[in-house]
Amino acid sequence: LGGSGVVIWRECRNNVVAGCEFVHTGDTPVCL
């Protein structure tokens, strides 16, 4: 990826990121 993988951005609650692989992301793999 050129940018990030998963971004949970503003006012988000009770979400799940599980069992994933992040490789060669350009920016942050996971950001809250």
PDB file of all heavy atoms in Angstrom:
ATOM      1  N   LEU A   1       0.832  -1.194   0.000  1.00  0.00           N
ATOM      2  CA  LEU A   1       0.000   0.000   0.000  1.00  0.00           C
ATOM      3  C   LEU A   1       0.871   1.249   0.000  1.00  0.00           C
ATOM      4  O   LEU A   1       1.940   1.267   0.606  1.00  0.00           O
ATOM      5  CB  LEU A   1      -0.903   0.019   1.228  1.00  0.00           C
ATOM      6  CG  LEU A   1      -1.850  -1.175   1.402  1.00  0.00           C
ATOM      7  CD1 LEU A   1      -2.525  -1.116   2.764  1.00  0.00           C
ATOM      8  CD2 LEU A   1      -2.894  -1.191   0.291  1.00  0.00           C
ATOM      9  N   GLY A   2       0.370   2.323  -0.620  1.00  0.00           N
ATOM     10  CA  GLY A   2       1.076   3.588  -0.532  1.00  0.00           C
ATOM     11  C   GLY A   2       0.861   4.271   0.804  1.00  0.00           C
ATOM     12  O   GLY A   2       1.742   4.972   1.303  1.00  0.00           O
ATOM     13  N   GLY A   3      -0.320   4.062   1.389  1.00  0.00           N
ATOM     14  CA  GLY A   3      -0.654   4.690   2.661  1.00  0.00           C
ATOM     15  C   GLY A   3      -0.837   3.678   3.768  1.00  0.00           C
ATOM     16  O   GLY A   3      -0.129   2.681   3.847  1.00  0.00           O
ATOM     17  N   SER A   4      -1.836   3.936   4.629  1.00  0.00           N
ATOM     18  CA  SER A   4      -2.060   3.096   5.798  1.00  0.00           C
ATOM     19  C   SER A   4      -2.962   1.914   5.471  1.00  0.00           C
ATOM     20  O   SER A   4      -3.624   1.871   4.426  1.00  0.00           O
ATOM     21  CB  SER A   4      -2.691   3.940   6.915  1.00  0.00           C
ATOM     22  OG  SER A   4      -1.819   4.973   7.319  1.00  0.00           O
ATOM     23  N   GLY A   5      -3.005   0.961   6.411  1.00  0.00           N
ATOM     24  CA  GLY A   5      -3.863  -0.204   6.245  1.00  0.00           C
ATOM     25  C   GLY A   5      -5.274   0.066   6.725  1.00  0.00           C
ATOM     26  O   GLY A   5      -6.191   0.256   5.923  1.00  0.00           O
ATOM     27  N   VAL A   6      -5.470   0.099   8.056  1.00  0.00           N
ATOM     28  CA  VAL A   6      -6.779   0.370   8.655  1.00  0.00           C
ATOM     29  C   VAL A   6      -6.655   1.600   9.537  1.00  0.00           C
ATOM     30  O   VAL A   6      -5.789   1.661  10.416  1.00  0.00           O
ATOM     31  CB  VAL A   6      -7.272  -0.816   9.494  1.00  0.00           C
ATOM     32  CG1 VAL A   6      -8.582  -0.455  10.209  1.00  0.00           C
ATOM     33  CG2 VAL A   6      -7.471  -2.056   8.618  1.00  0.00           C
ATOM     34  N   VAL A   7      -7.527   2.573   9.316  1.00  0.00           N
ATOM     35  CA  VAL A   7      -7.601   3.763  10.164  1.00  0.00           C
ATOM     36  C   VAL A   7      -9.004   3.838  10.758  1.00  0.00           C
ATOM     37  O   VAL A   7      -9.999   3.845  10.022  1.00  0.00           O
ATOM     38  CB  VAL A   7      -7.285   5.049   9.376  1.00  0.00           C
ATOM     39  CG1 VAL A   7      -7.537   6.272  10.250  1.00  0.00           C
ATOM     40  CG2 VAL A   7      -5.835   5.025   8.900  1.00  0.00           C
ATOM     41  N   ILE A   8      -9.063   3.870  12.078  1.00  0.00           N
ATOM     42  CA  ILE A   8     -10.335   4.014  12.796  1.00  0.00           C
ATOM     43  C   ILE A   8     -10.349   5.444  13.305  1.00  0.00           C
ATOM     44  O   ILE A   8      -9.733   5.773  14.310  1.00  0.00           O
ATOM     45  CB  ILE A   8     -10.443   2.964  13.913  1.00  0.00           C
ATOM     46  CG1 ILE A   8     -10.371   1.561  13.294  1.00  0.00           C
ATOM     47  CG2 ILE A   8     -11.726   3.139  14.702  1.00  0.00           C
ATOM     48  CD1 ILE A   8     -10.381   0.420  14.302  1.00  0.00           C
ATOM     49  N   TRP A   9     -11.077   6.305  12.577  1.00  0.00           N
ATOM     50  CA  TRP A   9     -10.879   7.759  12.639  1.00  0.00           C
ATOM     51  C   TRP A   9     -12.114   8.464  13.172  1.00  0.00           C
ATOM     52  O   TRP A   9     -13.173   8.456  12.541  1.00  0.00           O
ATOM     53  CB  TRP A   9     -10.560   8.254  11.226  1.00  0.00           C
ATOM     54  CG  TRP A   9     -10.144   9.676  11.102  1.00  0.00           C
ATOM     55  CD1 TRP A   9      -8.905  10.204  11.317  1.00  0.00           C
ATOM     56  CD2 TRP A   9     -10.974  10.774  10.706  1.00  0.00           C
ATOM     57  NE1 TRP A   9      -8.907  11.556  11.083  1.00  0.00           N
ATOM     58  CE2 TRP A   9     -10.166  11.941  10.712  1.00  0.00           C
ATOM     59  CE3 TRP A   9     -12.316  10.892  10.357  1.00  0.00           C
ATOM     60  CZ2 TRP A   9     -10.659  13.198  10.368  1.00  0.00           C
ATOM     61  CZ3 TRP A   9     -12.813  12.150  10.023  1.00  0.00           C
ATOM     62  CH2 TRP A   9     -11.986  13.280  10.028  1.00  0.00           C
ATOM     63  N   ARG A  10     -12.027   9.007  14.345  1.00  0.00           N
ATOM     64  CA  ARG A  10     -13.014   9.881  14.970  1.00  0.00           C
ATOM     65  C   ARG A  10     -14.334   9.179  15.312  1.00  0.00           C
ATOM     66  O   ARG A  10     -15.031   8.658  14.458  1.00  0.00           O
ATOM     67  CB  ARG A  10     -13.296  11.114  14.122  1.00  0.00           C
ATOM     68  CG  ARG A  10     -12.061  11.954  13.858  1.00  0.00           C
ATOM     69  CD  ARG A  10     -12.422  13.374  13.486  1.00  0.00           C
ATOM     70  NE  ARG A  10     -12.978  14.093  14.645  1.00  0.00           N
ATOM     71  CZ  ARG A  10     -13.376  15.369  14.606  1.00  0.00           C
ATOM     72  NH1 ARG A  10     -13.303  16.045  13.465  1.00  0.00           N
ATOM     73  NH2 ARG A  10     -13.848  15.953  15.676  1.00  0.00           N
ATOM     74  N   GLU A  11     -14.628   9.183  16.572  1.00  0.00           N
ATOM     75  CA  GLU A  11     -15.942   8.812  17.083  1.00  0.00           C
ATOM     76  C   GLU A  11     -16.317   7.365  16.798  1.00  0.00           C
ATOM     77  O   GLU A  11     -17.508   7.027  16.730  1.00  0.00           O
ATOM     78  CB  GLU A  11     -17.009   9.760  16.520  1.00  0.00           C
ATOM     79  CG  GLU A  11     -16.701  11.236  16.765  1.00  0.00           C
ATOM     80  CD  GLU A  11     -17.593  12.166  15.968  1.00  0.00           C
ATOM     81  OE1 GLU A  11     -18.666  11.726  15.520  1.00  0.00           O
ATOM     82  OE2 GLU A  11     -17.201  13.338  15.785  1.00  0.00           O
ATOM     83  N   CYS A  12     -15.350   6.508  16.643  1.00  0.00           N
ATOM     84  CA  CYS A  12     -15.616   5.102  16.337  1.00  0.00           C
ATOM     85  C   CYS A  12     -15.385   4.251  17.580  1.00  0.00           C
ATOM     86  O   CYS A  12     -14.360   4.387  18.253  1.00  0.00           O
ATOM     87  CB  CYS A  12     -14.716   4.619  15.209  1.00  0.00           C
ATOM     88  SG  CYS A  12     -15.019   5.456  13.638  1.00  0.00           S
ATOM     89  N   ARG A  13     -16.313   3.333  17.850  1.00  0.00           N
ATOM     90  CA  ARG A  13     -16.213   2.530  19.066  1.00  0.00           C
ATOM     91  C   ARG A  13     -16.535   1.067  18.777  1.00  0.00           C
ATOM     92  O   ARG A  13     -17.307   0.731  17.874  1.00  0.00           O
ATOM     93  CB  ARG A  13     -17.169   3.041  20.142  1.00  0.00           C
ATOM     94  CG  ARG A  13     -16.875   4.472  20.616  1.00  0.00           C
ATOM     95  CD  ARG A  13     -17.659   4.829  21.863  1.00  0.00           C
ATOM     96  NE  ARG A  13     -17.194   4.061  23.000  1.00  0.00           N
ATOM     97  CZ  ARG A  13     -16.202   4.446  23.815  1.00  0.00           C
ATOM     98  NH1 ARG A  13     -15.571   5.587  23.591  1.00  0.00           N
ATOM     99  NH2 ARG A  13     -15.846   3.698  24.825  1.00  0.00           N
ATOM    100  N   ASN A  14     -15.901   0.214  19.587  1.00  0.00           N
ATOM    101  CA  ASN A  14     -16.240  -1.213  19.643  1.00  0.00           C
ATOM    102  C   ASN A  14     -16.063  -1.918  18.299  1.00  0.00           C
ATOM    103  O   ASN A  14     -16.830  -2.813  17.941  1.00  0.00           O
ATOM    104  CB  ASN A  14     -17.667  -1.413  20.160  1.00  0.00           C
ATOM    105  CG  ASN A  14     -17.886  -0.740  21.505  1.00  0.00           C
ATOM    106  OD1 ASN A  14     -16.983  -0.683  22.332  1.00  0.00           O
ATOM    107  ND2 ASN A  14     -19.079  -0.227  21.712  1.00  0.00           N
ATOM    108  N   ASN A  15     -15.025  -1.529  17.562  1.00  0.00           N
ATOM    109  CA  ASN A  15     -14.694  -2.204  16.314  1.00  0.00           C
ATOM    110  C   ASN A  15     -13.537  -3.176  16.539  1.00  0.00           C
ATOM    111  O   ASN A  15     -12.776  -3.055  17.504  1.00  0.00           O
ATOM    112  CB  ASN A  15     -14.326  -1.169  15.250  1.00  0.00           C
ATOM    113  CG  ASN A  15     -15.468  -0.201  15.001  1.00  0.00           C
ATOM    114  OD1 ASN A  15     -16.486  -0.567  14.428  1.00  0.00           O
ATOM    115  ND2 ASN A  15     -15.317   1.032  15.446  1.00  0.00           N
ATOM    116  N   VAL A  16     -13.400  -4.140  15.633  1.00  0.00           N
ATOM    117  CA  VAL A  16     -12.409  -5.206  15.800  1.00  0.00           C
ATOM    118  C   VAL A  16     -11.568  -5.332  14.530  1.00  0.00           C
ATOM    119  O   VAL A  16     -12.109  -5.346  13.412  1.00  0.00           O
ATOM    120  CB  VAL A  16     -13.102  -6.561  16.087  1.00  0.00           C
ATOM    121  CG1 VAL A  16     -12.086  -7.687  16.154  1.00  0.00           C
ATOM    122  CG2 VAL A  16     -13.902  -6.492  17.388  1.00  0.00           C
ATOM    123  N   VAL A  17     -10.243  -5.423  14.724  1.00  0.00           N
ATOM    124  CA  VAL A  17      -9.325  -5.795  13.640  1.00  0.00           C
ATOM    125  C   VAL A  17      -8.567  -7.008  14.144  1.00  0.00           C
ATOM    126  O   VAL A  17      -7.782  -6.919  15.104  1.00  0.00           O
ATOM    127  CB  VAL A  17      -8.351  -4.659  13.288  1.00  0.00           C
ATOM    128  CG1 VAL A  17      -7.411  -5.096  12.164  1.00  0.00           C
ATOM    129  CG2 VAL A  17      -9.110  -3.398  12.893  1.00  0.00           C
ATOM    130  N   ALA A  18      -8.795  -8.177  13.551  1.00  0.00           N
ATOM    131  CA  ALA A  18      -8.222  -9.408  14.096  1.00  0.00           C
ATOM    132  C   ALA A  18      -7.874 -10.392  12.984  1.00  0.00           C
ATOM    133  O   ALA A  18      -8.553 -10.470  11.957  1.00  0.00           O
ATOM    134  CB  ALA A  18      -9.205 -10.069  15.066  1.00  0.00           C
ATOM    135  N   GLY A  19      -6.803 -11.127  13.205  1.00  0.00           N
ATOM    136  CA  GLY A  19      -6.409 -12.187  12.293  1.00  0.00           C
ATOM    137  C   GLY A  19      -5.916 -11.694  10.952  1.00  0.00           C
ATOM    138  O   GLY A  19      -5.914 -12.445   9.971  1.00  0.00           O
ATOM    139  N   CYS A  20      -5.466 -10.448  10.894  1.00  0.00           N
ATOM    140  CA  CYS A  20      -5.038  -9.856   9.619  1.00  0.00           C
ATOM    141  C   CYS A  20      -3.521  -9.826   9.499  1.00  0.00           C
ATOM    142  O   CYS A  20      -2.805  -9.830  10.509  1.00  0.00           O
ATOM    143  CB  CYS A  20      -5.572  -8.439   9.488  1.00  0.00           C
ATOM    144  SG  CYS A  20      -7.379  -8.324   9.456  1.00  0.00           S
ATOM    145  N   GLU A  21      -3.049  -9.768   8.276  1.00  0.00           N
ATOM    146  CA  GLU A  21      -1.635  -9.549   8.008  1.00  0.00           C
ATOM    147  C   GLU A  21      -1.475  -8.183   7.360  1.00  0.00           C
ATOM    148  O   GLU A  21      -2.220  -7.808   6.444  1.00  0.00           O
ATOM    149  CB  GLU A  21      -1.059 -10.610   7.077  1.00  0.00           C
ATOM    150  CG  GLU A  21       0.432 -10.392   6.793  1.00  0.00           C
ATOM    151  CD  GLU A  21       1.011 -11.356   5.783  1.00  0.00           C
ATOM    152  OE1 GLU A  21       0.231 -12.020   5.061  1.00  0.00           O
ATOM    153  OE2 GLU A  21       2.253 -11.441   5.690  1.00  0.00           O
ATOM    154  N   PHE A  22      -0.476  -7.435   7.845  1.00  0.00           N
ATOM    155  CA  PHE A  22      -0.107  -6.144   7.272  1.00  0.00           C
ATOM    156  C   PHE A  22       1.356  -6.238   6.871  1.00  0.00           C
ATOM    157  O   PHE A  22       2.231  -6.447   7.720  1.00  0.00           O
ATOM    158  CB  PHE A  22      -0.310  -5.027   8.292  1.00  0.00           C
ATOM    159  CG  PHE A  22      -1.736  -4.843   8.730  1.00  0.00           C
ATOM    160  CD1 PHE A  22      -2.276  -5.628   9.739  1.00  0.00           C
ATOM    161  CD2 PHE A  22      -2.544  -3.882   8.129  1.00  0.00           C
ATOM    162  CE1 PHE A  22      -3.589  -5.465  10.156  1.00  0.00           C
ATOM    163  CE2 PHE A  22      -3.862  -3.709   8.530  1.00  0.00           C
ATOM    164  CZ  PHE A  22      -4.388  -4.505   9.544  1.00  0.00           C
ATOM    165  N   VAL A  23       1.644  -6.070   5.583  1.00  0.00           N
ATOM    166  CA  VAL A  23       3.010  -6.173   5.098  1.00  0.00           C
ATOM    167  C   VAL A  23       3.211  -5.150   3.983  1.00  0.00           C
ATOM    168  O   VAL A  23       2.357  -4.981   3.111  1.00  0.00           O
ATOM    169  CB  VAL A  23       3.328  -7.609   4.618  1.00  0.00           C
ATOM    170  CG1 VAL A  23       2.359  -8.079   3.537  1.00  0.00           C
ATOM    171  CG2 VAL A  23       4.778  -7.721   4.138  1.00  0.00           C
ATOM    172  N   HIS A  24       4.325  -4.435   4.029  1.00  0.00           N
ATOM    173  CA  HIS A  24       4.658  -3.426   3.020  1.00  0.00           C
ATOM    174  C   HIS A  24       3.580  -2.353   2.901  1.00  0.00           C
ATOM    175  O   HIS A  24       3.275  -1.899   1.779  1.00  0.00           O
ATOM    176  CB  HIS A  24       4.904  -4.077   1.655  1.00  0.00           C
ATOM    177  CG  HIS A  24       6.036  -5.056   1.655  1.00  0.00           C
ATOM    178  ND1 HIS A  24       6.089  -6.136   0.801  1.00  0.00           N
ATOM    179  CD2 HIS A  24       7.142  -5.152   2.437  1.00  0.00           C
ATOM    180  CE1 HIS A  24       7.187  -6.840   1.052  1.00  0.00           C
ATOM    181  NE2 HIS A  24       7.835  -6.252   2.030  1.00  0.00           N
ATOM    182  N   THR A  25       3.016  -1.940   4.025  1.00  0.00           N
ATOM    183  CA  THR A  25       2.161  -0.755   3.984  1.00  0.00           C
ATOM    184  C   THR A  25       3.072   0.466   3.983  1.00  0.00           C
ATOM    185  O   THR A  25       4.077   0.506   4.690  1.00  0.00           O
ATOM    186  CB  THR A  25       1.198  -0.696   5.176  1.00  0.00           C
ATOM    187  OG1 THR A  25       1.937  -0.551   6.390  1.00  0.00           O
ATOM    188  CG2 THR A  25       0.336  -1.944   5.248  1.00  0.00           C
ATOM    189  N   GLY A  26       2.698   1.477   3.213  1.00  0.00           N
ATOM    190  CA  GLY A  26       3.544   2.656   3.112  1.00  0.00           C
ATOM    191  C   GLY A  26       3.554   3.488   4.376  1.00  0.00           C
ATOM    192  O   GLY A  26       4.566   4.087   4.735  1.00  0.00           O
ATOM    193  N   ASP A  27       2.403   3.533   5.057  1.00  0.00           N
ATOM    194  CA  ASP A  27       2.274   4.316   6.281  1.00  0.00           C
ATOM    195  C   ASP A  27       1.888   3.360   7.419  1.00  0.00           C
ATOM    196  O   ASP A  27       2.257   2.189   7.406  1.00  0.00           O
ATOM    197  CB  ASP A  27       1.240   5.430   6.085  1.00  0.00           C
ATOM    198  CG  ASP A  27       1.469   6.644   6.988  1.00  0.00           C
ATOM    199  OD1 ASP A  27       1.609   6.448   8.203  1.00  0.00           O
ATOM    200  OD2 ASP A  27       1.493   7.774   6.480  1.00  0.00           O
ATOM    201  N   THR A  28       1.127   3.835   8.380  1.00  0.00           N
ATOM    202  CA  THR A  28       0.824   3.078   9.585  1.00  0.00           C
ATOM    203  C   THR A  28      -0.095   1.886   9.287  1.00  0.00           C
ATOM    204  O   THR A  28      -1.168   2.068   8.699  1.00  0.00           O
ATOM    205  CB  THR A  28       0.136   3.998  10.611  1.00  0.00           C
ATOM    206  OG1 THR A  28       0.929   5.176  10.764  1.00  0.00           O
ATOM    207  CG2 THR A  28      -0.020   3.306  11.947  1.00  0.00           C
ATOM    208  N   PRO A  29       0.265   0.688   9.702  1.00  0.00           N
ATOM    209  CA  PRO A  29      -0.616  -0.452   9.463  1.00  0.00           C
ATOM    210  C   PRO A  29      -1.996  -0.296  10.105  1.00  0.00           C
ATOM    211  O   PRO A  29      -3.016  -0.480   9.449  1.00  0.00           O
ATOM    212  CB  PRO A  29       0.157  -1.624  10.072  1.00  0.00           C
ATOM    213  CG  PRO A  29       1.589  -1.203   9.968  1.00  0.00           C
ATOM    214  CD  PRO A  29       1.587   0.274  10.204  1.00  0.00           C
ATOM    215  N   VAL A  30      -2.036   0.049  11.415  1.00  0.00           N
ATOM    216  CA  VAL A  30      -3.316   0.226  12.120  1.00  0.00           C
ATOM    217  C   VAL A  30      -3.229   1.501  12.946  1.00  0.00           C
ATOM    218  O   VAL A  30      -2.310   1.664  13.760  1.00  0.00           O
ATOM    219  CB  VAL A  30      -3.646  -0.965  13.041  1.00  0.00           C
ATOM    220  CG1 VAL A  30      -5.007  -0.740  13.702  1.00  0.00           C
ATOM    221  CG2 VAL A  30      -3.641  -2.276  12.270  1.00  0.00           C
ATOM    222  N   CYS A  31      -4.205   2.392  12.775  1.00  0.00           N
ATOM    223  CA  CYS A  31      -4.213   3.659  13.514  1.00  0.00           C
ATOM    224  C   CYS A  31      -5.599   3.915  14.082  1.00  0.00           C
ATOM    225  O   CYS A  31      -6.594   3.859  13.352  1.00  0.00           O
ATOM    226  CB  CYS A  31      -3.800   4.809  12.600  1.00  0.00           C
ATOM    227  SG  CYS A  31      -3.821   6.430  13.427  1.00  0.00           S
ATOM    228  N   LEU A  32      -5.668   4.197  15.387  1.00  0.00           N
ATOM    229  CA  LEU A  32      -6.894   4.643  16.049  1.00  0.00           C
ATOM    230  C   LEU A  32      -6.692   6.109  16.388  1.00  0.00           C
ATOM    231  O   LEU A  32      -5.754   6.451  17.108  1.00  0.00           O
ATOM    232  CB  LEU A  32      -7.152   3.842  17.320  1.00  0.00           C
ATOM    233  CG  LEU A  32      -7.007   2.319  17.238  1.00  0.00           C
ATOM    234  CD1 LEU A  32      -7.284   1.689  18.584  1.00  0.00           C
ATOM    235  CD2 LEU A  32      -7.924   1.748  16.178  1.00  0.00           C
TER     236      LEU A  32
END
